[in-house]
Each structure stands twice: as structure tokens, then as C-alpha cells.
Amino acid sequence: MSSFLLGLLLVNGLHIASGAIHSWKAFYTGASGLTEFPEFVALNLVDDQLMGYFDSKTNHFKSQFQWMADNLGEAYDERQTNILKGHEATFKNSVRIVMERFNQTQGVHTFQQMYGCQWDDETGATDAFWQYGYDGEDFVSLDFKEFRWISPVPQGVPTVQKWNNDRGMIEYEKNYFSTVCIDWLKKYLEYGKSSLQKTAPPEVSVLQKSSSVSCHATGFYPSGVTITWKKNGEEHHEDVDLGQLLPNADGTFQKTSTLRVSSEELKNNKFSCEVEHQGETTSRSPAGKRKVPEG
């Protein structure tokens, strides 16, 4: 599945596997042929929390937390606004160039970028990603093992060749993702620890339909959660559809796992759903209504 499936971009990227792993991410989208949607949108997130937003209609970057103004100064939003106005111009040009490479002259098209870094505060391990997509499909990405740009499509080859020949750019990327990005992530975590280091357990419910049972976990933070189905006490992975991690309006998250099962099989076997979050396990069965912590 493509990294850039439109609609999933803003909630995916680096997944927070545990409370010890933190991330900073940026998502940019340039669009053409859409009258209602801004031509350019930018979002910054720390630990999957939206920390800043900019679009070409408001033409201004807006911080989402008071701790940002308290620690970074009132001028922070203005600096980010100026930076993102530059990105907006670049993205408008990029959409035009890539459309030409695909022999397209009109229609709705999107050019997207996502990049970021993550840091494990227990082991000190770091990781990063930097990718571009066009019309919901991978276009070019940075291979961090080889530190070179790669593309799965011929239309991306000219970009890859140009960027790989720019050794100054490659060295900048190495330094940015190994040092600068991580340093800023640590600063954000320190500045916003009152809100970013909060924890909230999931509320778990089970909904039974004629041919499926859905296990829904919501209201949890941070985002790392595991949903497992069990059949007669054993883990059950067949006919299970795991949904995407989705954000709630209050900064928490939700996720659903659906088990496709007949009413007869459900009646003749004992199925249960287990949700693990921050070392605590909550178990629910289709017939039960009680939440049982097993931590």
C-alpha cells in the first residue's frame, strides 16, 4: 500500500510503538484543480499532537499550544509563516513540473511531502524519514541507510539524479536528521511536557453485527496501542481487519479491529478482544460489558 494514500497521510508516518519513542513530523500538501481546498497546507506534529498549522488561504502559521509561545516567543509563528510561504511557492512549481512529466495539463492533482524524526528516550536510538508523493502514490524518498534519493517511477528519476548530485544537500540532510531534528524534538518535549507526557487509557467497546464483531478503542494517549483477538484463549488472526489509527478532536486517539465471523461460529466459540496500552491490558468479549484491567 502506498505511503501517500490521500486521507491517511495526516495521521500516519512514524508510528509511536511505545511511550518511550517520541516523534516530530511535518506534512505538506500542494494541490491543483481544487477550488474549495487550499493550494498549500502544512502541519507540524510532535508525538502525533498537532502543534502548528498553515494554509494558503489563511496565509499564516498558527501554533496550537500556549507552551510554544511561552518558550519560543511570539515571533515563532511569524518565522514559521515566512518559511512556509517559501515552501508554498516551491510546491506550486513542483505540482506544475510533475504534471508535465506525467503529460498532464489539467485536472485535480496533489504533490505531498512528509518528513520527520523519532527518538527513543530509553535506548537513545533515532530514526527518520523523508518522502514525496504525487496523486497519492510514492514519488521519491530518501534512503537513510545509503543516504541517497530513490524513486519507484520513471518520472521521479530526473529529481533523484539532480538531488543525488548535490553533495552539499546530502550533507545538510545528514546533519539535520541526526542532530538538528532530534535536538528540536527534545526541546519540544521539555517545553510541552505538561501536555505531551500525559497518558489516558482507552475506553473499549465491542459491537456485534450479523457477520462481524468490531472492537473499538478510543480516548487513549499516547498513540501506541495493540488490539488482539482471541478464540478459546488462543490468539486469532484469521479474518481480522485492523483499521487505521485516527485522531480525536481532544488530542487522543482511536482504533478499531473488526473480526469477520458467522453468528454460529460466534455462538459455539469464546471470542474476546484484548487492547494493550502503556502496559495495561483491557479485555472485552462480544457478550460481556465489563472492562478488566490485567496489567
C-alpha atoms as a PDB file:
ATOM      1  CA  MET A   1       0.000   0.000   0.000  1.00  0.00           C
ATOM      2  CA  SER A   2       1.288   3.451  -0.882  1.00  0.00           C
ATOM      3  CA  SER A   3       2.648   5.720   1.837  1.00  0.00           C
ATOM      4  CA  PHE A   4       0.745   8.586   0.313  1.00  0.00           C
ATOM      5  CA  LEU A   5      -2.833   7.338   0.110  1.00  0.00           C
ATOM      6  CA  LEU A   6      -4.730  10.601   0.311  1.00  0.00           C
ATOM      7  CA  GLY A   7      -6.692  10.932   3.516  1.00  0.00           C
ATOM      8  CA  LEU A   8      -4.307   8.723   5.520  1.00  0.00           C
ATOM      9  CA  LEU A   9      -1.310  10.977   5.165  1.00  0.00           C
ATOM     10  CA  LEU A  10      -2.069  13.239   8.083  1.00  0.00           C
ATOM     11  CA  VAL A  11      -2.405  10.503  10.643  1.00  0.00           C
ATOM     12  CA  ASN A  12       0.383   8.171   9.621  1.00  0.00           C
ATOM     13  CA  GLY A  13       4.097   8.298   9.171  1.00  0.00           C
ATOM     14  CA  LEU A  14       6.232   7.200  12.056  1.00  0.00           C
ATOM     15  CA  HIS A  15       4.095   5.108  14.388  1.00  0.00           C
ATOM     16  CA  ILE A  16       4.688   5.513  18.103  1.00  0.00           C
ATOM     17  CA  ALA A  17       5.286   1.959  19.233  1.00  0.00           C
ATOM     18  CA  SER A  18       5.614   2.709  22.936  1.00  0.00           C
ATOM     19  CA  GLY A  19       5.639   5.550  25.410  1.00  0.00           C
ATOM     20  CA  ALA A  20       9.455   5.710  25.201  1.00  0.00           C
ATOM     21  CA  ILE A  21       9.511   6.600  21.500  1.00  0.00           C
ATOM     22  CA  HIS A  22       8.854  10.225  20.537  1.00  0.00           C
ATOM     23  CA  SER A  23       8.486  11.831  17.131  1.00  0.00           C
ATOM     24  CA  TRP A  24       8.338  15.110  15.258  1.00  0.00           C
ATOM     25  CA  LYS A  25       6.686  15.158  11.815  1.00  0.00           C
ATOM     26  CA  ALA A  26       5.886  17.653   9.090  1.00  0.00           C
ATOM     27  CA  PHE A  27       3.287  17.162   6.359  1.00  0.00           C
ATOM     28  CA  TYR A  28       2.955  19.444   3.323  1.00  0.00           C
ATOM     29  CA  THR A  29       0.348  19.158   0.570  1.00  0.00           C
ATOM     30  CA  GLY A  30       0.211  21.180  -2.644  1.00  0.00           C
ATOM     31  CA  ALA A  31      -2.924  20.843  -4.769  1.00  0.00           C
ATOM     32  CA  SER A  32      -4.155  21.986  -8.158  1.00  0.00           C
ATOM     33  CA  GLY A  33      -7.639  21.915  -9.650  1.00  0.00           C
ATOM     34  CA  LEU A  34      -9.420  22.182  -6.292  1.00  0.00           C
ATOM     35  CA  THR A  35     -11.446  25.317  -5.617  1.00  0.00           C
ATOM     36  CA  GLU A  36     -12.546  24.547  -2.055  1.00  0.00           C
ATOM     37  CA  PHE A  37      -9.226  23.128  -0.835  1.00  0.00           C
ATOM     38  CA  PRO A  38      -6.223  25.440  -0.163  1.00  0.00           C
ATOM     39  CA  GLU A  39      -3.442  25.207  -2.757  1.00  0.00           C
ATOM     40  CA  PHE A  40      -0.964  24.543   0.055  1.00  0.00           C
ATOM     41  CA  VAL A  41      -1.384  23.089   3.557  1.00  0.00           C
ATOM     42  CA  ALA A  42       1.318  22.441   6.175  1.00  0.00           C
ATOM     43  CA  LEU A  43       1.074  20.683   9.530  1.00  0.00           C
ATOM     44  CA  ASN A  44       3.676  20.037  12.235  1.00  0.00           C
ATOM     45  CA  LEU A  45       3.136  17.351  14.871  1.00  0.00           C
ATOM     46  CA  VAL A  46       5.023  16.273  17.971  1.00  0.00           C
ATOM     47  CA  ASP A  47       4.145  12.839  19.383  1.00  0.00           C
ATOM     48  CA  ASP A  48       1.194  12.851  16.961  1.00  0.00           C
ATOM     49  CA  GLN A  49      -0.186  16.052  18.516  1.00  0.00           C
ATOM     50  CA  LEU A  50      -0.844  18.916  16.096  1.00  0.00           C
ATOM     51  CA  MET A  51       1.485  21.724  17.149  1.00  0.00           C
ATOM     52  CA  GLY A  52       1.170  24.084  14.180  1.00  0.00           C
ATOM     53  CA  TYR A  53      -0.906  24.695  11.044  1.00  0.00           C
ATOM     54  CA  PHE A  54      -0.554  26.828   7.900  1.00  0.00           C
ATOM     55  CA  ASP A  55      -2.524  27.052   4.678  1.00  0.00           C
ATOM     56  CA  SER A  56      -2.520  29.311   1.638  1.00  0.00           C
ATOM     57  CA  LYS A  57      -5.959  30.721   2.449  1.00  0.00           C
ATOM     58  CA  THR A  58      -5.170  31.958   5.967  1.00  0.00           C
ATOM     59  CA  ASN A  59      -1.571  32.635   4.876  1.00  0.00           C
ATOM     60  CA  HIS A  60      -0.384  32.409   8.480  1.00  0.00           C
ATOM     61  CA  PHE A  61       1.189  29.744  10.716  1.00  0.00           C
ATOM     62  CA  LYS A  62      -0.730  29.190  13.946  1.00  0.00           C
ATOM     63  CA  SER A  63       0.784  27.466  16.984  1.00  0.00           C
ATOM     64  CA  GLN A  64      -1.614  25.162  18.796  1.00  0.00           C
ATOM     65  CA  PHE A  65      -0.140  25.276  22.319  1.00  0.00           C
ATOM     66  CA  GLN A  66       0.475  28.116  24.751  1.00  0.00           C
ATOM     67  CA  TRP A  67       3.741  26.493  25.806  1.00  0.00           C
ATOM     68  CA  MET A  68       5.103  27.217  22.337  1.00  0.00           C
ATOM     69  CA  ALA A  69       4.599  30.967  22.736  1.00  0.00           C
ATOM     70  CA  ASP A  70       5.882  30.847  26.334  1.00  0.00           C
ATOM     71  CA  ASN A  71       9.140  29.107  25.375  1.00  0.00           C
ATOM     72  CA  LEU A  72       9.711  30.028  21.717  1.00  0.00           C
ATOM     73  CA  GLY A  73       8.473  33.618  21.775  1.00  0.00           C
ATOM     74  CA  GLU A  74       5.654  35.385  19.999  1.00  0.00           C
ATOM     75  CA  ALA A  75       7.820  35.769  16.881  1.00  0.00           C
ATOM     76  CA  TYR A  76       7.948  31.987  16.362  1.00  0.00           C
ATOM     77  CA  ASP A  77       4.688  31.948  14.394  1.00  0.00           C
ATOM     78  CA  GLU A  78       5.911  34.779  12.175  1.00  0.00           C
ATOM     79  CA  ARG A  79       9.179  32.986  11.401  1.00  0.00           C
ATOM     80  CA  GLN A  80       7.312  29.808  10.529  1.00  0.00           C
ATOM     81  CA  THR A  81       4.909  31.803   8.358  1.00  0.00           C
ATOM     82  CA  ASN A  82       7.779  33.221   6.300  1.00  0.00           C
ATOM     83  CA  ILE A  83       9.397  29.787   5.935  1.00  0.00           C
ATOM     84  CA  LEU A  84       6.159  28.136   4.831  1.00  0.00           C
ATOM     85  CA  LYS A  85       5.366  30.880   2.331  1.00  0.00           C
ATOM     86  CA  GLY A  86       8.619  29.853   0.654  1.00  0.00           C
ATOM     87  CA  HIS A  87       7.555  26.200   0.698  1.00  0.00           C
ATOM     88  CA  GLU A  88       4.193  27.195  -0.766  1.00  0.00           C
ATOM     89  CA  ALA A  89       5.876  28.777  -3.797  1.00  0.00           C
ATOM     90  CA  THR A  90       8.094  25.706  -4.227  1.00  0.00           C
ATOM     91  CA  PHE A  91       5.148  23.330  -4.057  1.00  0.00           C
ATOM     92  CA  LYS A  92       3.127  25.252  -6.634  1.00  0.00           C
ATOM     93  CA  ASN A  93       6.069  24.977  -9.015  1.00  0.00           C
ATOM     94  CA  SER A  94       6.581  21.290  -8.160  1.00  0.00           C
ATOM     95  CA  VAL A  95       2.966  20.433  -8.995  1.00  0.00           C
ATOM     96  CA  ARG A  96       3.396  22.071 -12.399  1.00  0.00           C
ATOM     97  CA  ILE A  97       6.692  20.280 -13.131  1.00  0.00           C
ATOM     98  CA  VAL A  98       5.443  16.833 -12.122  1.00  0.00           C
ATOM     99  CA  MET A  99       2.213  17.279 -14.089  1.00  0.00           C
ATOM    100  CA  GLU A 100       4.346  17.934 -17.175  1.00  0.00           C
ATOM    101  CA  ARG A 101       6.356  14.755 -16.543  1.00  0.00           C
ATOM    102  CA  PHE A 102       3.138  12.747 -16.434  1.00  0.00           C
ATOM    103  CA  ASN A 103       1.883  14.550 -19.579  1.00  0.00           C
ATOM    104  CA  GLN A 104      -0.991  16.119 -17.655  1.00  0.00           C
ATOM    105  CA  THR A 105      -2.292  19.603 -18.394  1.00  0.00           C
ATOM    106  CA  GLN A 106      -5.355  19.847 -16.159  1.00  0.00           C
ATOM    107  CA  GLY A 107      -7.413  18.073 -13.508  1.00  0.00           C
ATOM    108  CA  VAL A 108      -7.062  17.590  -9.769  1.00  0.00           C
ATOM    109  CA  HIS A 109      -3.525  16.706  -8.675  1.00  0.00           C
ATOM    110  CA  THR A 110      -1.610  16.678  -5.387  1.00  0.00           C
ATOM    111  CA  PHE A 111       2.073  16.848  -4.517  1.00  0.00           C
ATOM    112  CA  GLN A 112       2.883  15.860  -0.940  1.00  0.00           C
ATOM    113  CA  GLN A 113       5.892  15.794   1.345  1.00  0.00           C
ATOM    114  CA  MET A 114       6.308  14.198   4.740  1.00  0.00           C
ATOM    115  CA  TYR A 115       9.457  14.140   6.814  1.00  0.00           C
ATOM    116  CA  GLY A 116      10.425  13.809  10.438  1.00  0.00           C
ATOM    117  CA  CYS A 117      12.489  12.095  13.088  1.00  0.00           C
ATOM    118  CA  GLN A 118      11.964   9.908  16.128  1.00  0.00           C
ATOM    119  CA  TRP A 119      13.901   9.316  19.326  1.00  0.00           C
ATOM    120  CA  ASP A 120      13.733   6.533  21.896  1.00  0.00           C
ATOM    121  CA  ASP A 121      14.269   8.129  25.305  1.00  0.00           C
ATOM    122  CA  GLU A 122      15.237   4.753  26.808  1.00  0.00           C
ATOM    123  CA  THR A 123      17.806   3.479  24.297  1.00  0.00           C
ATOM    124  CA  GLY A 124      18.767   6.761  22.606  1.00  0.00           C
ATOM    125  CA  ALA A 125      18.081   5.213  19.188  1.00  0.00           C
ATOM    126  CA  THR A 126      16.978   7.610  16.448  1.00  0.00           C
ATOM    127  CA  ASP A 127      15.279   7.227  13.080  1.00  0.00           C
ATOM    128  CA  ALA A 128      13.976   9.482  10.314  1.00  0.00           C
ATOM    129  CA  PHE A 129      12.022   9.598   7.072  1.00  0.00           C
ATOM    130  CA  TRP A 130      11.657  11.977   4.130  1.00  0.00           C
ATOM    131  CA  GLN A 131       9.255  11.175   1.291  1.00  0.00           C
ATOM    132  CA  TYR A 132       7.379  12.831  -1.547  1.00  0.00           C
ATOM    133  CA  GLY A 133       4.201  11.622  -3.189  1.00  0.00           C
ATOM    134  CA  TYR A 134       2.204  12.554  -6.270  1.00  0.00           C
ATOM    135  CA  ASP A 135      -1.524  11.884  -6.632  1.00  0.00           C
ATOM    136  CA  GLY A 136      -1.476   9.553  -3.641  1.00  0.00           C
ATOM    137  CA  GLU A 137       1.445   7.417  -4.855  1.00  0.00           C
ATOM    138  CA  ASP A 138       5.115   7.309  -3.857  1.00  0.00           C
ATOM    139  CA  PHE A 139       7.246   9.629  -5.974  1.00  0.00           C
ATOM    140  CA  VAL A 140      10.724   9.977  -4.412  1.00  0.00           C
ATOM    141  CA  SER A 141      12.152   9.192  -0.975  1.00  0.00           C
ATOM    142  CA  LEU A 142      15.435   9.415   0.885  1.00  0.00           C
ATOM    143  CA  ASP A 143      17.127   6.087   1.652  1.00  0.00           C
ATOM    144  CA  PHE A 144      18.644   6.788   5.074  1.00  0.00           C
ATOM    145  CA  LYS A 145      20.891   3.717   5.009  1.00  0.00           C
ATOM    146  CA  GLU A 146      22.657   4.765   1.816  1.00  0.00           C
ATOM    147  CA  PHE A 147      21.804   8.469   2.103  1.00  0.00           C
ATOM    148  CA  ARG A 148      20.652   8.713  -1.474  1.00  0.00           C
ATOM    149  CA  TRP A 149      17.355   9.560  -3.135  1.00  0.00           C
ATOM    150  CA  ILE A 150      15.367   6.812  -4.860  1.00  0.00           C
ATOM    151  CA  SER A 151      12.195   6.713  -6.968  1.00  0.00           C
ATOM    152  CA  PRO A 152       9.808   3.875  -7.895  1.00  0.00           C
ATOM    153  CA  VAL A 153       8.604   5.686 -11.043  1.00  0.00           C
ATOM    154  CA  PRO A 154      10.499   6.942 -14.132  1.00  0.00           C
ATOM    155  CA  GLN A 155       9.006  10.424 -13.720  1.00  0.00           C
ATOM    156  CA  GLY A 156      10.935  10.770 -10.460  1.00  0.00           C
ATOM    157  CA  VAL A 157      14.340   9.877 -11.940  1.00  0.00           C
ATOM    158  CA  PRO A 158      15.289  13.454 -13.002  1.00  0.00           C
ATOM    159  CA  THR A 159      14.653  14.669  -9.453  1.00  0.00           C
ATOM    160  CA  VAL A 160      16.640  11.796  -7.942  1.00  0.00           C
ATOM    161  CA  GLN A 161      19.612  12.399 -10.241  1.00  0.00           C
ATOM    162  CA  LYS A 162      19.654  16.121  -9.510  1.00  0.00           C
ATOM    163  CA  TRP A 163      19.434  15.743  -5.741  1.00  0.00           C
ATOM    164  CA  ASN A 164      21.941  12.882  -5.516  1.00  0.00           C
ATOM    165  CA  ASN A 165      24.495  15.017  -7.370  1.00  0.00           C
ATOM    166  CA  ASP A 166      24.115  17.792  -4.803  1.00  0.00           C
ATOM    167  CA  ARG A 167      26.556  16.601  -2.129  1.00  0.00           C
ATOM    168  CA  GLY A 168      26.045  19.753  -0.095  1.00  0.00           C
ATOM    169  CA  MET A 169      22.359  18.948   0.195  1.00  0.00           C
ATOM    170  CA  ILE A 170      23.128  15.358   1.229  1.00  0.00           C
ATOM    171  CA  GLU A 171      25.494  16.530   3.988  1.00  0.00           C
ATOM    172  CA  TYR A 172      22.896  19.013   5.199  1.00  0.00           C
ATOM    173  CA  GLU A 173      20.304  16.231   5.379  1.00  0.00           C
ATOM    174  CA  LYS A 174      22.650  14.001   7.380  1.00  0.00           C
ATOM    175  CA  ASN A 175      23.264  16.737   9.940  1.00  0.00           C
ATOM    176  CA  TYR A 176      19.646  17.869  10.088  1.00  0.00           C
ATOM    177  CA  PHE A 177      18.119  14.464  10.772  1.00  0.00           C
ATOM    178  CA  SER A 178      20.865  13.140  13.054  1.00  0.00           C
ATOM    179  CA  THR A 179      21.275  16.304  15.145  1.00  0.00           C
ATOM    180  CA  VAL A 180      19.052  19.314  14.465  1.00  0.00           C
ATOM    181  CA  CYS A 181      15.723  17.490  14.220  1.00  0.00           C
ATOM    182  CA  ILE A 182      16.427  15.388  17.318  1.00  0.00           C
ATOM    183  CA  ASP A 183      17.560  18.432  19.332  1.00  0.00           C
ATOM    184  CA  TRP A 184      14.375  20.317  18.468  1.00  0.00           C
ATOM    185  CA  LEU A 185      12.256  17.264  19.286  1.00  0.00           C
ATOM    186  CA  LYS A 186      13.837  17.087  22.750  1.00  0.00           C
ATOM    187  CA  LYS A 187      13.205  20.813  23.261  1.00  0.00           C
ATOM    188  CA  TYR A 188       9.559  20.466  22.297  1.00  0.00           C
ATOM    189  CA  LEU A 189       9.163  17.518  24.673  1.00  0.00           C
ATOM    190  CA  GLU A 190      10.665  19.524  27.529  1.00  0.00           C
ATOM    191  CA  TYR A 191       8.686  22.673  26.793  1.00  0.00           C
ATOM    192  CA  GLY A 192       5.391  20.829  26.421  1.00  0.00           C
ATOM    193  CA  LYS A 193       5.850  18.021  28.931  1.00  0.00           C
ATOM    194  CA  SER A 194       2.714  19.003  30.871  1.00  0.00           C
ATOM    195  CA  SER A 195       0.542  18.163  27.862  1.00  0.00           C
ATOM    196  CA  LEU A 196       2.731  15.882  25.738  1.00  0.00           C
ATOM    197  CA  GLN A 197       3.648  13.454  28.516  1.00  0.00           C
ATOM    198  CA  LYS A 198       0.095  12.886  29.681  1.00  0.00           C
ATOM    199  CA  THR A 199      -1.394   9.394  29.495  1.00  0.00           C
ATOM    200  CA  ALA A 200      -5.004   8.369  29.027  1.00  0.00           C
ATOM    201  CA  PRO A 201      -6.284   4.761  28.962  1.00  0.00           C
ATOM    202  CA  PRO A 202      -8.564   3.519  26.186  1.00  0.00           C
ATOM    203  CA  GLU A 203     -12.286   3.064  26.502  1.00  0.00           C
ATOM    204  CA  VAL A 204     -13.028  -0.274  24.843  1.00  0.00           C
ATOM    205  CA  SER A 205     -16.346  -1.397  23.402  1.00  0.00           C
ATOM    206  CA  VAL A 206     -17.446  -4.359  21.292  1.00  0.00           C
ATOM    207  CA  LEU A 207     -20.160  -4.045  18.650  1.00  0.00           C
ATOM    208  CA  GLN A 208     -21.690  -7.203  17.207  1.00  0.00           C
ATOM    209  CA  LYS A 209     -23.274  -7.332  13.747  1.00  0.00           C
ATOM    210  CA  SER A 210     -24.697 -10.203  11.712  1.00  0.00           C
ATOM    211  CA  SER A 211     -21.394 -11.232  10.127  1.00  0.00           C
ATOM    212  CA  SER A 212     -18.752  -9.355  12.113  1.00  0.00           C
ATOM    213  CA  VAL A 213     -17.692  -8.092  15.535  1.00  0.00           C
ATOM    214  CA  SER A 214     -15.845  -4.785  15.957  1.00  0.00           C
ATOM    215  CA  CYS A 215     -13.558  -3.930  18.859  1.00  0.00           C
ATOM    216  CA  HIS A 216     -13.275  -0.161  19.235  1.00  0.00           C
ATOM    217  CA  ALA A 217     -10.677   1.554  21.438  1.00  0.00           C
ATOM    218  CA  THR A 218     -10.895   5.321  21.865  1.00  0.00           C
ATOM    219  CA  GLY A 219      -9.723   8.182  24.076  1.00  0.00           C
ATOM    220  CA  PHE A 220      -6.196   6.831  24.591  1.00  0.00           C
ATOM    221  CA  TYR A 221      -2.863   8.679  24.643  1.00  0.00           C
ATOM    222  CA  PRO A 222      -0.098   8.206  23.597  1.00  0.00           C
ATOM    223  CA  SER A 223      -0.953   6.562  20.301  1.00  0.00           C
ATOM    224  CA  GLY A 224       0.767   3.192  20.722  1.00  0.00           C
ATOM    225  CA  VAL A 225      -1.903   0.518  21.095  1.00  0.00           C
ATOM    226  CA  THR A 226      -2.223  -3.179  20.218  1.00  0.00           C
ATOM    227  CA  ILE A 227      -5.583  -4.840  19.524  1.00  0.00           C
ATOM    228  CA  THR A 228      -5.642  -8.654  19.532  1.00  0.00           C
ATOM    229  CA  TRP A 229      -8.489 -11.121  19.041  1.00  0.00           C
ATOM    230  CA  LYS A 230      -8.550 -14.423  20.934  1.00  0.00           C
ATOM    231  CA  LYS A 231     -10.552 -17.552  20.153  1.00  0.00           C
ATOM    232  CA  ASN A 232     -10.961 -20.003  23.028  1.00  0.00           C
ATOM    233  CA  GLY A 233      -7.982 -18.434  24.767  1.00  0.00           C
ATOM    234  CA  GLU A 234      -5.633 -18.567  21.751  1.00  0.00           C
ATOM    235  CA  GLU A 235      -4.609 -15.633  19.564  1.00  0.00           C
ATOM    236  CA  HIS A 236      -6.739 -15.486  16.424  1.00  0.00           C
ATOM    237  CA  HIS A 237      -5.520 -13.652  13.302  1.00  0.00           C
ATOM    238  CA  GLU A 238      -7.765 -15.016  10.544  1.00  0.00           C
ATOM    239  CA  ASP A 239     -10.431 -12.765   9.012  1.00  0.00           C
ATOM    240  CA  VAL A 240      -9.308  -9.763  11.053  1.00  0.00           C
ATOM    241  CA  ASP A 241      -9.307  -6.246   9.576  1.00  0.00           C
ATOM    242  CA  LEU A 242      -7.255  -3.752  11.579  1.00  0.00           C
ATOM    243  CA  GLY A 243      -8.275  -0.157  10.997  1.00  0.00           C
ATOM    244  CA  GLN A 244      -6.046   2.902  10.824  1.00  0.00           C
ATOM    245  CA  LEU A 245      -5.056   4.915  13.867  1.00  0.00           C
ATOM    246  CA  LEU A 246      -7.281   8.009  13.903  1.00  0.00           C
ATOM    247  CA  PRO A 247      -7.086  11.233  15.932  1.00  0.00           C
ATOM    248  CA  ASN A 248      -9.860  12.532  18.157  1.00  0.00           C
ATOM    249  CA  ALA A 249     -10.652  16.227  18.496  1.00  0.00           C
ATOM    250  CA  ASP A 250      -9.282  16.319  22.067  1.00  0.00           C
ATOM    251  CA  GLY A 251      -5.815  15.072  21.050  1.00  0.00           C
ATOM    252  CA  THR A 252      -6.417  11.435  21.982  1.00  0.00           C
ATOM    253  CA  PHE A 253      -6.683   8.562  19.505  1.00  0.00           C
ATOM    254  CA  GLN A 254      -8.990   5.790  18.376  1.00  0.00           C
ATOM    255  CA  LYS A 255      -8.591   2.498  16.560  1.00  0.00           C
ATOM    256  CA  THR A 256     -10.887  -0.354  15.506  1.00  0.00           C
ATOM    257  CA  SER A 257     -10.287  -4.031  14.763  1.00  0.00           C
ATOM    258  CA  THR A 258     -13.056  -5.970  13.019  1.00  0.00           C
ATOM    259  CA  LEU A 259     -13.415  -9.749  13.146  1.00  0.00           C
ATOM    260  CA  ARG A 260     -15.439 -11.309  10.333  1.00  0.00           C
ATOM    261  CA  VAL A 261     -17.245 -14.261  11.894  1.00  0.00           C
ATOM    262  CA  SER A 262     -20.600 -16.000  11.467  1.00  0.00           C
ATOM    263  CA  SER A 263     -23.214 -15.936  14.207  1.00  0.00           C
ATOM    264  CA  GLU A 264     -22.949 -19.716  14.543  1.00  0.00           C
ATOM    265  CA  GLU A 265     -19.174 -19.693  14.984  1.00  0.00           C
ATOM    266  CA  LEU A 266     -19.504 -16.862  17.467  1.00  0.00           C
ATOM    267  CA  LYS A 267     -22.076 -18.849  19.420  1.00  0.00           C
ATOM    268  CA  ASN A 268     -20.015 -22.061  19.507  1.00  0.00           C
ATOM    269  CA  ASN A 269     -16.695 -20.456  20.483  1.00  0.00           C
ATOM    270  CA  LYS A 270     -15.431 -17.972  23.039  1.00  0.00           C
ATOM    271  CA  PHE A 271     -14.062 -14.850  21.346  1.00  0.00           C
ATOM    272  CA  SER A 272     -12.505 -11.907  23.142  1.00  0.00           C
ATOM    273  CA  CYS A 273     -10.763  -8.687  22.201  1.00  0.00           C
ATOM    274  CA  GLU A 274      -7.662  -7.537  24.103  1.00  0.00           C
ATOM    275  CA  VAL A 275      -6.399  -3.962  23.933  1.00  0.00           C
ATOM    276  CA  GLU A 276      -2.899  -3.286  25.271  1.00  0.00           C
ATOM    277  CA  HIS A 277      -1.849   0.287  26.037  1.00  0.00           C
ATOM    278  CA  GLN A 278       1.023   1.505  28.207  1.00  0.00           C
ATOM    279  CA  GLY A 279       1.500  -1.943  29.759  1.00  0.00           C
ATOM    280  CA  GLU A 280      -2.175  -2.320  30.720  1.00  0.00           C
ATOM    281  CA  THR A 281      -4.499  -4.803  29.023  1.00  0.00           C
ATOM    282  CA  THR A 282      -8.254  -4.391  28.690  1.00  0.00           C
ATOM    283  CA  SER A 283     -10.329  -7.421  27.668  1.00  0.00           C
ATOM    284  CA  ARG A 284     -13.840  -7.461  26.240  1.00  0.00           C
ATOM    285  CA  SER A 285     -15.982 -10.227  24.758  1.00  0.00           C
ATOM    286  CA  PRO A 286     -18.978  -9.816  22.425  1.00  0.00           C
ATOM    287  CA  ALA A 287     -21.318 -10.980  25.183  1.00  0.00           C
ATOM    288  CA  GLY A 288     -19.653  -9.081  28.012  1.00  0.00           C
ATOM    289  CA  LYS A 289     -19.786  -5.478  29.085  1.00  0.00           C
ATOM    290  CA  ARG A 290     -17.103  -5.439  31.745  1.00  0.00           C
ATOM    291  CA  LYS A 291     -13.652  -3.917  31.276  1.00  0.00           C
ATOM    292  CA  VAL A 292     -10.993  -5.981  33.069  1.00  0.00           C
ATOM    293  CA  PRO A 293      -7.509  -4.483  33.634  1.00  0.00           C
ATOM    294  CA  GLU A 294      -4.854  -7.206  33.587  1.00  0.00           C
ATOM    295  CA  GLY A 295      -1.716  -5.076  33.838  1.00  0.00           C
END
